[in-house]
């Protein structure tokens, strides 16, 4: 790999097209722009191969390529594709790039791509304060987050439906919402602020919202059950989890032992004395202290 003819590439990703900004260290100071169709990974690899061929000064010499793009909706599949083909790829954290906030600035794909080129060059030169690079998770790590993220979306959906039901009832002068367990009875008993029954179309809409809410709750329970099974399976291989479980079991044994030690004193206490047991656990033992407290029973 030749560092003298290194190539820096910045990709501005969008849905319809990709704007590829290219700059060679030994070449012209102005960057060259190439536009590809959005998602055209084979076209990008072909373009990079052509750039390496042009930048090679000697037979068998391959120019070093460094490529960057901002983290976004495209995820990390492009990073994995580039690294699999031996291309150094970097994922920029968009909010960490320093910009001038005092003046209004133009924002176009060309300016963004050229700005990423400058950021990439500074990063490769050792300036770690210029921006933050995203740590790309492995496919298994990324998939492991899927359950938690899906549950977050379902919880948001549940809250949105509940708020919608309350808002519809509030327009009729009704505060609060019926219980899901006795929905039919509660809805039939509802009366508007002026004493009318709920209109039929409103009741139909509320019933559809109820069914959507029940579905969201069912999916949340399903995800929680699946996550619990996954955690139980992973606990057998996780040393930290095993240590926590061991300490928890040890604490339970200490509580049982302290009760056994302090139990004989209970029979010796007078009826007007209340026994207060406080346990202060240490590394290996639990200190059991008896602190009698005088109280007056209710007559």
C-alpha atoms as a PDB file:
ATOM      1  CA  UNK A   1       0.000   0.000   0.000  1.00  0.00           C
ATOM      2  CA  UNK A   2       1.363   3.397  -0.949  1.00  0.00           C
ATOM      3  CA  UNK A   3       0.786   6.324   1.432  1.00  0.00           C
ATOM      4  CA  UNK A   4       2.214   8.868  -1.005  1.00  0.00           C
ATOM      5  CA  UNK A   5      -0.714   8.375  -3.385  1.00  0.00           C
ATOM      6  CA  UNK A   6      -3.315   7.913  -0.683  1.00  0.00           C
ATOM      7  CA  UNK A   7      -6.910   8.583  -1.656  1.00  0.00           C
ATOM      8  CA  UNK A   8      -9.479  10.159   0.643  1.00  0.00           C
ATOM      9  CA  UNK A   9     -13.136   9.537  -0.151  1.00  0.00           C
ATOM     10  CA  UNK A  10     -16.196  11.053   1.484  1.00  0.00           C
ATOM     11  CA  UNK A  11     -19.675   9.788   0.655  1.00  0.00           C
ATOM     12  CA  UNK A  12     -22.770  11.908   1.156  1.00  0.00           C
ATOM     13  CA  UNK A  13     -25.526   9.326   1.452  1.00  0.00           C
ATOM     14  CA  UNK A  14     -29.101  10.060   0.478  1.00  0.00           C
ATOM     15  CA  UNK A  15     -32.091   8.056  -0.643  1.00  0.00           C
ATOM     16  CA  UNK A  16     -31.954   8.818  -4.364  1.00  0.00           C
ATOM     17  CA  UNK A  17     -28.223   9.321  -4.965  1.00  0.00           C
ATOM     18  CA  UNK A  18     -24.758   9.126  -3.445  1.00  0.00           C
ATOM     19  CA  UNK A  19     -22.322  12.000  -3.906  1.00  0.00           C
ATOM     20  CA  UNK A  20     -18.729  10.759  -3.746  1.00  0.00           C
ATOM     21  CA  UNK A  21     -16.017  13.363  -3.132  1.00  0.00           C
ATOM     22  CA  UNK A  22     -12.476  12.193  -3.955  1.00  0.00           C
ATOM     23  CA  UNK A  23      -9.157  13.808  -3.151  1.00  0.00           C
ATOM     24  CA  UNK A  24      -5.628  12.454  -3.589  1.00  0.00           C
ATOM     25  CA  UNK A  25      -2.803  13.631  -1.349  1.00  0.00           C
ATOM     26  CA  UNK A  26      -0.295  14.083  -4.163  1.00  0.00           C
ATOM     27  CA  UNK A  27      -2.856  15.331  -6.654  1.00  0.00           C
ATOM     28  CA  UNK A  28      -4.724  18.570  -7.105  1.00  0.00           C
ATOM     29  CA  UNK A  29      -5.980  20.492  -4.104  1.00  0.00           C
ATOM     30  CA  UNK A  30      -9.513  20.548  -5.458  1.00  0.00           C
ATOM     31  CA  UNK A  31     -11.673  17.505  -4.879  1.00  0.00           C
ATOM     32  CA  UNK A  32     -13.480  15.651  -7.633  1.00  0.00           C
ATOM     33  CA  UNK A  33     -17.121  14.754  -7.384  1.00  0.00           C
ATOM     34  CA  UNK A  34     -18.847  11.614  -8.642  1.00  0.00           C
ATOM     35  CA  UNK A  35     -22.551  10.920  -8.380  1.00  0.00           C
ATOM     36  CA  UNK A  36     -23.908   7.394  -8.070  1.00  0.00           C
ATOM     37  CA  UNK A  37     -27.366   6.000  -7.729  1.00  0.00           C
ATOM     38  CA  UNK A  38     -28.453   5.533  -4.128  1.00  0.00           C
ATOM     39  CA  UNK A  39     -27.506   2.080  -2.848  1.00  0.00           C
ATOM     40  CA  UNK A  40     -25.223   1.292  -5.798  1.00  0.00           C
ATOM     41  CA  UNK A  41     -22.531  -0.511  -3.805  1.00  0.00           C
ATOM     42  CA  UNK A  42     -21.075  -2.309  -6.829  1.00  0.00           C
ATOM     43  CA  UNK A  43     -20.714   1.015  -8.631  1.00  0.00           C
ATOM     44  CA  UNK A  44     -18.910   2.451  -5.616  1.00  0.00           C
ATOM     45  CA  UNK A  45     -16.458  -0.453  -5.484  1.00  0.00           C
ATOM     46  CA  UNK A  46     -15.863  -0.123  -9.202  1.00  0.00           C
ATOM     47  CA  UNK A  47     -15.169   3.605  -8.838  1.00  0.00           C
ATOM     48  CA  UNK A  48     -12.713   2.985  -5.999  1.00  0.00           C
ATOM     49  CA  UNK A  49     -10.879   0.371  -8.083  1.00  0.00           C
ATOM     50  CA  UNK A  50     -10.564   2.840 -10.969  1.00  0.00           C
ATOM     51  CA  UNK A  51      -9.247   5.530  -8.632  1.00  0.00           C
ATOM     52  CA  UNK A  52      -6.640   3.141  -7.233  1.00  0.00           C
ATOM     53  CA  UNK A  53      -5.519   2.243 -10.753  1.00  0.00           C
ATOM     54  CA  UNK A  54      -5.125   5.891 -11.741  1.00  0.00           C
ATOM     55  CA  UNK A  55      -3.255   6.800  -8.561  1.00  0.00           C
ATOM     56  CA  UNK A  56      -0.788   3.904  -8.855  1.00  0.00           C
ATOM     57  CA  UNK A  57       2.585   5.195 -10.046  1.00  0.00           C
ATOM     58  CA  UNK A  58       4.384   1.845 -10.271  1.00  0.00           C
ATOM     59  CA  UNK A  59       3.261  -1.599 -11.444  1.00  0.00           C
ATOM     60  CA  UNK A  60       1.917  -3.621  -8.558  1.00  0.00           C
ATOM     61  CA  UNK A  61       1.592  -0.574  -6.339  1.00  0.00           C
ATOM     62  CA  UNK A  62      -1.897  -0.059  -4.886  1.00  0.00           C
ATOM     63  CA  UNK A  63      -2.913   3.310  -3.517  1.00  0.00           C
ATOM     64  CA  UNK A  64      -4.208   3.402   0.031  1.00  0.00           C
ATOM     65  CA  UNK A  65      -7.881   4.347   0.253  1.00  0.00           C
ATOM     66  CA  UNK A  66      -9.622   5.872   3.267  1.00  0.00           C
ATOM     67  CA  UNK A  67     -13.360   6.306   3.056  1.00  0.00           C
ATOM     68  CA  UNK A  68     -15.803   8.017   5.392  1.00  0.00           C
ATOM     69  CA  UNK A  69     -19.501   8.756   5.648  1.00  0.00           C
ATOM     70  CA  UNK A  70     -21.887  10.011   8.306  1.00  0.00           C
ATOM     71  CA  UNK A  71     -23.897   7.672  10.518  1.00  0.00           C
ATOM     72  CA  UNK A  72     -27.544   7.710   9.557  1.00  0.00           C
ATOM     73  CA  UNK A  73     -30.437   5.728   8.213  1.00  0.00           C
ATOM     74  CA  UNK A  74     -28.205   3.508   6.056  1.00  0.00           C
ATOM     75  CA  UNK A  75     -26.806   1.797   9.125  1.00  0.00           C
ATOM     76  CA  UNK A  76     -23.445   0.043   9.011  1.00  0.00           C
ATOM     77  CA  UNK A  77     -23.759  -2.360   6.095  1.00  0.00           C
ATOM     78  CA  UNK A  78     -21.665  -0.092   3.862  1.00  0.00           C
ATOM     79  CA  UNK A  79     -18.886  -0.012   6.451  1.00  0.00           C
ATOM     80  CA  UNK A  80     -18.811  -3.799   6.579  1.00  0.00           C
ATOM     81  CA  UNK A  81     -18.809  -4.021   2.796  1.00  0.00           C
ATOM     82  CA  UNK A  82     -15.874  -1.617   2.435  1.00  0.00           C
ATOM     83  CA  UNK A  83     -13.802  -3.253   5.160  1.00  0.00           C
ATOM     84  CA  UNK A  84     -14.455  -6.675   3.632  1.00  0.00           C
ATOM     85  CA  UNK A  85     -12.808  -5.370   0.422  1.00  0.00           C
ATOM     86  CA  UNK A  86      -9.765  -4.062   2.291  1.00  0.00           C
ATOM     87  CA  UNK A  87     -10.822  -0.405   2.338  1.00  0.00           C
ATOM     88  CA  UNK A  88     -10.312   1.623   5.518  1.00  0.00           C
ATOM     89  CA  UNK A  89     -13.766   2.942   6.400  1.00  0.00           C
ATOM     90  CA  UNK A  90     -14.755   5.467   9.049  1.00  0.00           C
ATOM     91  CA  UNK A  91     -18.226   6.357  10.286  1.00  0.00           C
ATOM     92  CA  UNK A  92     -18.507   9.968  11.448  1.00  0.00           C
ATOM     93  CA  UNK A  93     -20.764  11.140  14.240  1.00  0.00           C
ATOM     94  CA  UNK A  94     -22.637  14.012  12.528  1.00  0.00           C
ATOM     95  CA  UNK A  95     -23.304  16.047  15.679  1.00  0.00           C
ATOM     96  CA  UNK A  96     -19.629  16.003  16.711  1.00  0.00           C
ATOM     97  CA  UNK A  97     -18.349  17.884  13.647  1.00  0.00           C
ATOM     98  CA  UNK A  98     -17.459  21.469  14.548  1.00  0.00           C
ATOM     99  CA  UNK A  99     -19.279  24.142  12.553  1.00  0.00           C
ATOM    100  CA  UNK A 100     -19.469  27.914  12.754  1.00  0.00           C
ATOM    101  CA  UNK A 101     -22.749  28.655  14.523  1.00  0.00           C
ATOM    102  CA  UNK A 102     -22.376  32.431  14.521  1.00  0.00           C
ATOM    103  CA  UNK A 103     -23.142  32.923  10.848  1.00  0.00           C
ATOM    104  CA  UNK A 104     -25.604  31.373   8.465  1.00  0.00           C
ATOM    105  CA  UNK A 105     -24.016  28.791   6.241  1.00  0.00           C
ATOM    106  CA  UNK A 106     -25.041  27.131   3.029  1.00  0.00           C
ATOM    107  CA  UNK A 107     -25.803  23.429   3.214  1.00  0.00           C
ATOM    108  CA  UNK A 108     -25.600  21.300   0.096  1.00  0.00           C
ATOM    109  CA  UNK A 109     -24.452  17.766  -0.619  1.00  0.00           C
ATOM    110  CA  UNK A 110     -21.279  19.094  -2.253  1.00  0.00           C
ATOM    111  CA  UNK A 111     -20.350  21.263   0.733  1.00  0.00           C
ATOM    112  CA  UNK A 112     -21.101  18.444   3.160  1.00  0.00           C
ATOM    113  CA  UNK A 113     -18.965  15.978   1.200  1.00  0.00           C
ATOM    114  CA  UNK A 114     -16.046  18.407   0.972  1.00  0.00           C
ATOM    115  CA  UNK A 115     -16.381  19.139   4.676  1.00  0.00           C
ATOM    116  CA  UNK A 116     -16.158  15.436   5.471  1.00  0.00           C
ATOM    117  CA  UNK A 117     -13.000  15.238   3.360  1.00  0.00           C
ATOM    118  CA  UNK A 118     -11.366  17.916   5.502  1.00  0.00           C
ATOM    119  CA  UNK A 119     -12.496  16.198   8.682  1.00  0.00           C
ATOM    120  CA  UNK A 120     -11.158  12.836   7.478  1.00  0.00           C
ATOM    121  CA  UNK A 121      -7.778  14.342   6.545  1.00  0.00           C
ATOM    122  CA  UNK A 122      -7.454  15.997   9.955  1.00  0.00           C
ATOM    123  CA  UNK A 123      -8.421  12.772  11.734  1.00  0.00           C
ATOM    124  CA  UNK A 124      -5.866  10.737   9.820  1.00  0.00           C
ATOM    125  CA  UNK A 125      -3.224  13.364  10.652  1.00  0.00           C
ATOM    126  CA  UNK A 126      -3.810  12.759  14.351  1.00  0.00           C
ATOM    127  CA  UNK A 127      -6.380  15.395  15.291  1.00  0.00           C
ATOM    128  CA  UNK A 128      -8.796  13.415  17.457  1.00  0.00           C
ATOM    129  CA  UNK A 129     -10.687  16.546  18.534  1.00  0.00           C
ATOM    130  CA  UNK A 130     -11.985  17.286  15.049  1.00  0.00           C
ATOM    131  CA  UNK A 131     -14.890  14.843  15.436  1.00  0.00           C
ATOM    132  CA  UNK A 132     -15.984  11.564  16.980  1.00  0.00           C
ATOM    133  CA  UNK A 133     -15.910   8.268  15.153  1.00  0.00           C
ATOM    134  CA  UNK A 134     -18.698   5.775  15.711  1.00  0.00           C
ATOM    135  CA  UNK A 135     -17.764   2.365  17.041  1.00  0.00           C
ATOM    136  CA  UNK A 136     -19.406   0.019  14.577  1.00  0.00           C
ATOM    137  CA  UNK A 137     -21.019  -2.962  16.324  1.00  0.00           C
ATOM    138  CA  UNK A 138     -20.789  -6.476  15.026  1.00  0.00           C
ATOM    139  CA  UNK A 139     -23.877  -7.932  13.328  1.00  0.00           C
ATOM    140  CA  UNK A 140     -24.608 -10.007  16.441  1.00  0.00           C
ATOM    141  CA  UNK A 141     -24.281  -6.972  18.730  1.00  0.00           C
ATOM    142  CA  UNK A 142     -26.526  -4.934  16.486  1.00  0.00           C
ATOM    143  CA  UNK A 143     -29.135  -7.689  16.354  1.00  0.00           C
ATOM    144  CA  UNK A 144     -29.046  -8.067  20.137  1.00  0.00           C
ATOM    145  CA  UNK A 145     -30.375  -4.503  20.471  1.00  0.00           C
ATOM    146  CA  UNK A 146     -33.344  -5.241  18.276  1.00  0.00           C
ATOM    147  CA  UNK A 147     -35.630  -6.506  21.061  1.00  0.00           C
ATOM    148  CA  UNK A 148     -35.028  -3.474  23.280  1.00  0.00           C
ATOM    149  CA  UNK A 149     -35.589  -1.019  20.447  1.00  0.00           C
ATOM    150  CA  UNK A 150     -38.740  -2.759  19.305  1.00  0.00           C
ATOM    151  CA  UNK A 151     -40.108  -2.627  22.852  1.00  0.00           C
ATOM    152  CA  UNK A 152     -39.386   1.109  23.016  1.00  0.00           C
ATOM    153  CA  UNK A 153     -41.415   1.663  19.840  1.00  0.00           C
ATOM    154  CA  UNK A 154     -44.274  -0.464  21.180  1.00  0.00           C
ATOM    155  CA  UNK A 155     -44.320   1.442  24.466  1.00  0.00           C
ATOM    156  CA  UNK A 156     -44.490   4.695  22.535  1.00  0.00           C
ATOM    157  CA  UNK A 157     -47.330   3.261  20.456  1.00  0.00           C
ATOM    158  CA  UNK A 158     -49.165   2.230  23.621  1.00  0.00           C
ATOM    159  CA  UNK A 159     -48.836   5.719  25.116  1.00  0.00           C
ATOM    160  CA  UNK A 160     -49.953   7.314  21.863  1.00  0.00           C
ATOM    161  CA  UNK A 161     -53.104   5.164  21.730  1.00  0.00           C
ATOM    162  CA  UNK A 162     -53.910   5.802  25.392  1.00  0.00           C
ATOM    163  CA  UNK A 163     -53.522   9.550  24.909  1.00  0.00           C
ATOM    164  CA  UNK A 164     -55.723   9.390  21.807  1.00  0.00           C
ATOM    165  CA  UNK A 165     -58.491   7.621  23.727  1.00  0.00           C
ATOM    166  CA  UNK A 166     -58.333  10.170  26.532  1.00  0.00           C
ATOM    167  CA  UNK A 167     -58.349  13.057  24.042  1.00  0.00           C
ATOM    168  CA  UNK A 168     -61.441  11.739  22.254  1.00  0.00           C
ATOM    169  CA  UNK A 169     -63.298  11.323  25.526  1.00  0.00           C
ATOM    170  CA  UNK A 170     -62.170  14.739  26.714  1.00  0.00           C
ATOM    171  CA  UNK A 171     -63.878  16.346  23.718  1.00  0.00           C
ATOM    172  CA  UNK A 172     -67.159  14.972  25.087  1.00  0.00           C
ATOM    173  CA  UNK A 173     -66.580  16.245  28.606  1.00  0.00           C
ATOM    174  CA  UNK A 174     -65.384  12.861  29.935  1.00  0.00           C
ATOM    175  CA  UNK A 175     -62.183  12.686  31.954  1.00  0.00           C
ATOM    176  CA  UNK A 176     -60.341   9.393  32.229  1.00  0.00           C
ATOM    177  CA  UNK A 177     -60.709   6.283  30.104  1.00  0.00           C
ATOM    178  CA  UNK A 178     -62.600   3.002  30.569  1.00  0.00           C
ATOM    179  CA  UNK A 179     -60.860  -0.048  31.936  1.00  0.00           C
ATOM    180  CA  UNK A 180     -59.792  -2.649  29.392  1.00  0.00           C
ATOM    181  CA  UNK A 181     -61.115  -5.439  31.613  1.00  0.00           C
ATOM    182  CA  UNK A 182     -64.649  -4.031  31.696  1.00  0.00           C
ATOM    183  CA  UNK A 183     -64.597  -1.985  28.525  1.00  0.00           C
ATOM    184  CA  UNK A 184     -68.110  -2.700  27.244  1.00  0.00           C
ATOM    185  CA  UNK A 185     -69.784  -1.998  30.588  1.00  0.00           C
ATOM    186  CA  UNK A 186     -67.772   1.154  31.241  1.00  0.00           C
ATOM    187  CA  UNK A 187     -68.342   2.569  27.748  1.00  0.00           C
ATOM    188  CA  UNK A 188     -72.074   1.901  27.967  1.00  0.00           C
ATOM    189  CA  UNK A 189     -72.207   3.785  31.257  1.00  0.00           C
ATOM    190  CA  UNK A 190     -70.356   6.839  29.964  1.00  0.00           C
ATOM    191  CA  UNK A 191     -72.282  10.029  29.432  1.00  0.00           C
ATOM    192  CA  UNK A 192     -71.139  13.212  27.782  1.00  0.00           C
ATOM    193  CA  UNK A 193     -70.874  16.473  29.642  1.00  0.00           C
ATOM    194  CA  UNK A 194     -74.381  17.402  28.522  1.00  0.00           C
ATOM    195  CA  UNK A 195     -75.861  14.019  29.519  1.00  0.00           C
ATOM    196  CA  UNK A 196     -75.901  12.184  26.149  1.00  0.00           C
ATOM    197  CA  UNK A 197     -74.668   8.725  25.309  1.00  0.00           C
ATOM    198  CA  UNK A 198     -71.526   8.411  23.230  1.00  0.00           C
ATOM    199  CA  UNK A 199     -72.161   8.833  19.472  1.00  0.00           C
ATOM    200  CA  UNK A 200     -72.002   5.537  17.522  1.00  0.00           C
ATOM    201  CA  UNK A 201     -69.077   6.476  15.290  1.00  0.00           C
ATOM    202  CA  UNK A 202     -67.082   7.652  18.287  1.00  0.00           C
ATOM    203  CA  UNK A 203     -67.765   4.356  20.051  1.00  0.00           C
ATOM    204  CA  UNK A 204     -66.607   2.466  16.957  1.00  0.00           C
ATOM    205  CA  UNK A 205     -63.380   4.480  16.831  1.00  0.00           C
ATOM    206  CA  UNK A 206     -62.772   3.892  20.520  1.00  0.00           C
ATOM    207  CA  UNK A 207     -63.306   0.161  20.030  1.00  0.00           C
ATOM    208  CA  UNK A 208     -60.718   0.083  17.225  1.00  0.00           C
ATOM    209  CA  UNK A 209     -58.280   1.958  19.443  1.00  0.00           C
ATOM    210  CA  UNK A 210     -58.953  -0.571  22.216  1.00  0.00           C
ATOM    211  CA  UNK A 211     -58.082  -3.459  19.913  1.00  0.00           C
ATOM    212  CA  UNK A 212     -54.887  -1.740  18.819  1.00  0.00           C
ATOM    213  CA  UNK A 213     -54.005  -1.105  22.459  1.00  0.00           C
ATOM    214  CA  UNK A 214     -54.576  -4.754  23.366  1.00  0.00           C
ATOM    215  CA  UNK A 215     -52.357  -5.828  20.474  1.00  0.00           C
ATOM    216  CA  UNK A 216     -49.586  -3.469  21.591  1.00  0.00           C
ATOM    217  CA  UNK A 217     -49.795  -4.773  25.165  1.00  0.00           C
ATOM    218  CA  UNK A 218     -49.679  -8.367  23.938  1.00  0.00           C
ATOM    219  CA  UNK A 219     -46.605  -7.678  21.822  1.00  0.00           C
ATOM    220  CA  UNK A 220     -44.893  -5.935  24.744  1.00  0.00           C
ATOM    221  CA  UNK A 221     -45.502  -8.971  26.968  1.00  0.00           C
ATOM    222  CA  UNK A 222     -44.216 -11.250  24.230  1.00  0.00           C
ATOM    223  CA  UNK A 223     -41.010  -9.218  23.884  1.00  0.00           C
ATOM    224  CA  UNK A 224     -40.484  -9.112  27.644  1.00  0.00           C
ATOM    225  CA  UNK A 225     -40.859 -12.886  27.853  1.00  0.00           C
ATOM    226  CA  UNK A 226     -38.417 -13.361  24.980  1.00  0.00           C
ATOM    227  CA  UNK A 227     -35.928 -10.966  26.554  1.00  0.00           C
ATOM    228  CA  UNK A 228     -36.175 -12.743  29.914  1.00  0.00           C
ATOM    229  CA  UNK A 229     -35.395 -16.075  28.260  1.00  0.00           C
ATOM    230  CA  UNK A 230     -32.431 -14.550  26.453  1.00  0.00           C
ATOM    231  CA  UNK A 231     -31.058 -13.065  29.680  1.00  0.00           C
ATOM    232  CA  UNK A 232     -31.483 -16.361  31.535  1.00  0.00           C
ATOM    233  CA  UNK A 233     -29.599 -18.180  28.797  1.00  0.00           C
ATOM    234  CA  UNK A 234     -26.825 -15.578  28.717  1.00  0.00           C
ATOM    235  CA  UNK A 235     -26.521 -15.583  32.518  1.00  0.00           C
ATOM    236  CA  UNK A 236     -25.019 -19.043  32.456  1.00  0.00           C
ATOM    237  CA  UNK A 237     -22.074 -17.825  30.390  1.00  0.00           C
ATOM    238  CA  UNK A 238     -21.666 -14.337  31.831  1.00  0.00           C
ATOM    239  CA  UNK A 239     -19.179 -14.258  34.699  1.00  0.00           C
ATOM    240  CA  UNK A 240     -20.402 -10.886  35.931  1.00  0.00           C
ATOM    241  CA  UNK A 241     -23.984 -12.097  36.046  1.00  0.00           C
ATOM    242  CA  UNK A 242     -22.933 -15.241  37.865  1.00  0.00           C
ATOM    243  CA  UNK A 243     -21.103 -13.111  40.429  1.00  0.00           C
ATOM    244  CA  UNK A 244     -24.184 -10.946  40.997  1.00  0.00           C
ATOM    245  CA  UNK A 245     -26.375 -14.023  41.414  1.00  0.00           C
ATOM    246  CA  UNK A 246     -23.861 -15.490  43.867  1.00  0.00           C
ATOM    247  CA  UNK A 247     -23.805 -12.291  45.946  1.00  0.00           C
ATOM    248  CA  UNK A 248     -27.605 -12.161  45.927  1.00  0.00           C
ATOM    249  CA  UNK A 249     -27.815 -15.735  47.193  1.00  0.00           C
ATOM    250  CA  UNK A 250     -25.175 -14.938  49.823  1.00  0.00           C
ATOM    251  CA  UNK A 251     -27.240 -11.971  51.003  1.00  0.00           C
ATOM    252  CA  UNK A 252     -30.324 -14.157  51.337  1.00  0.00           C
ATOM    253  CA  UNK A 253     -28.380 -16.635  53.458  1.00  0.00           C
ATOM    254  CA  UNK A 254     -27.162 -13.787  55.694  1.00  0.00           C
ATOM    255  CA  UNK A 255     -30.708 -12.539  56.245  1.00  0.00           C
ATOM    256  CA  UNK A 256     -31.868 -16.031  57.205  1.00  0.00           C
ATOM    257  CA  UNK A 257     -28.906 -16.492  59.552  1.00  0.00           C
ATOM    258  CA  UNK A 258     -29.507 -13.160  61.276  1.00  0.00           C
ATOM    259  CA  UNK A 259     -33.116 -14.074  61.924  1.00  0.00           C
ATOM    260  CA  UNK A 260     -32.078 -17.403  63.433  1.00  0.00           C
ATOM    261  CA  UNK A 261     -29.482 -15.725  65.680  1.00  0.00           C
ATOM    262  CA  UNK A 262     -31.863 -13.035  66.874  1.00  0.00           C
ATOM    263  CA  UNK A 263     -34.895 -15.292  67.281  1.00  0.00           C
ATOM    264  CA  UNK A 264     -34.092 -16.521  70.860  1.00  0.00           C
ATOM    265  CA  UNK A 265     -34.164 -12.962  72.144  1.00  0.00           C
ATOM    266  CA  UNK A 266     -37.743 -12.520  71.018  1.00  0.00           C
ATOM    267  CA  UNK A 267     -39.127 -14.839  73.681  1.00  0.00           C
ATOM    268  CA  UNK A 268     -37.346 -12.912  76.446  1.00  0.00           C
ATOM    269  CA  UNK A 269     -38.784  -9.499  75.526  1.00  0.00           C
ATOM    270  CA  UNK A 270     -41.678  -8.120  77.549  1.00  0.00           C
ATOM    271  CA  UNK A 271     -44.970  -7.389  75.755  1.00  0.00           C
ATOM    272  CA  UNK A 272     -44.346  -3.644  76.035  1.00  0.00           C
ATOM    273  CA  UNK A 273     -40.997  -3.761  74.264  1.00  0.00           C
ATOM    274  CA  UNK A 274     -40.693  -3.897  70.520  1.00  0.00           C
ATOM    275  CA  UNK A 275     -37.618  -5.527  69.026  1.00  0.00           C
ATOM    276  CA  UNK A 276     -35.956  -3.682  66.160  1.00  0.00           C
ATOM    277  CA  UNK A 277     -33.397  -5.694  64.198  1.00  0.00           C
ATOM    278  CA  UNK A 278     -30.928  -3.862  61.996  1.00  0.00           C
ATOM    279  CA  UNK A 279     -28.387  -5.751  59.904  1.00  0.00           C
ATOM    280  CA  UNK A 280     -25.245  -4.199  58.569  1.00  0.00           C
ATOM    281  CA  UNK A 281     -23.667  -6.615  56.062  1.00  0.00           C
ATOM    282  CA  UNK A 282     -19.924  -6.706  55.749  1.00  0.00           C
ATOM    283  CA  UNK A 283     -17.681  -8.711  53.443  1.00  0.00           C
ATOM    284  CA  UNK A 284     -18.086 -12.030  55.228  1.00  0.00           C
ATOM    285  CA  UNK A 285     -20.619 -11.572  58.048  1.00  0.00           C
ATOM    286  CA  UNK A 286     -23.810  -9.757  58.862  1.00  0.00           C
ATOM    287  CA  UNK A 287     -23.799  -7.805  62.117  1.00  0.00           C
ATOM    288  CA  UNK A 288     -27.065  -8.274  63.932  1.00  0.00           C
ATOM    289  CA  UNK A 289     -27.875  -5.641  66.525  1.00  0.00           C
ATOM    290  CA  UNK A 290     -30.832  -5.722  68.872  1.00  0.00           C
ATOM    291  CA  UNK A 291     -32.273  -2.320  69.685  1.00  0.00           C
ATOM    292  CA  UNK A 292     -35.261  -2.485  72.059  1.00  0.00           C
ATOM    293  CA  UNK A 293     -37.766   0.285  71.611  1.00  0.00           C
ATOM    294  CA  UNK A 294     -40.367   1.086  74.258  1.00  0.00           C
ATOM    295  CA  UNK A 295     -43.842   1.563  72.879  1.00  0.00           C
ATOM    296  CA  UNK A 296     -47.300   1.748  74.381  1.00  0.00           C
ATOM    297  CA  UNK A 297     -49.836  -0.680  72.915  1.00  0.00           C
ATOM    298  CA  UNK A 298     -53.185   0.727  71.944  1.00  0.00           C
ATOM    299  CA  UNK A 299     -55.730   0.182  74.658  1.00  0.00           C
END
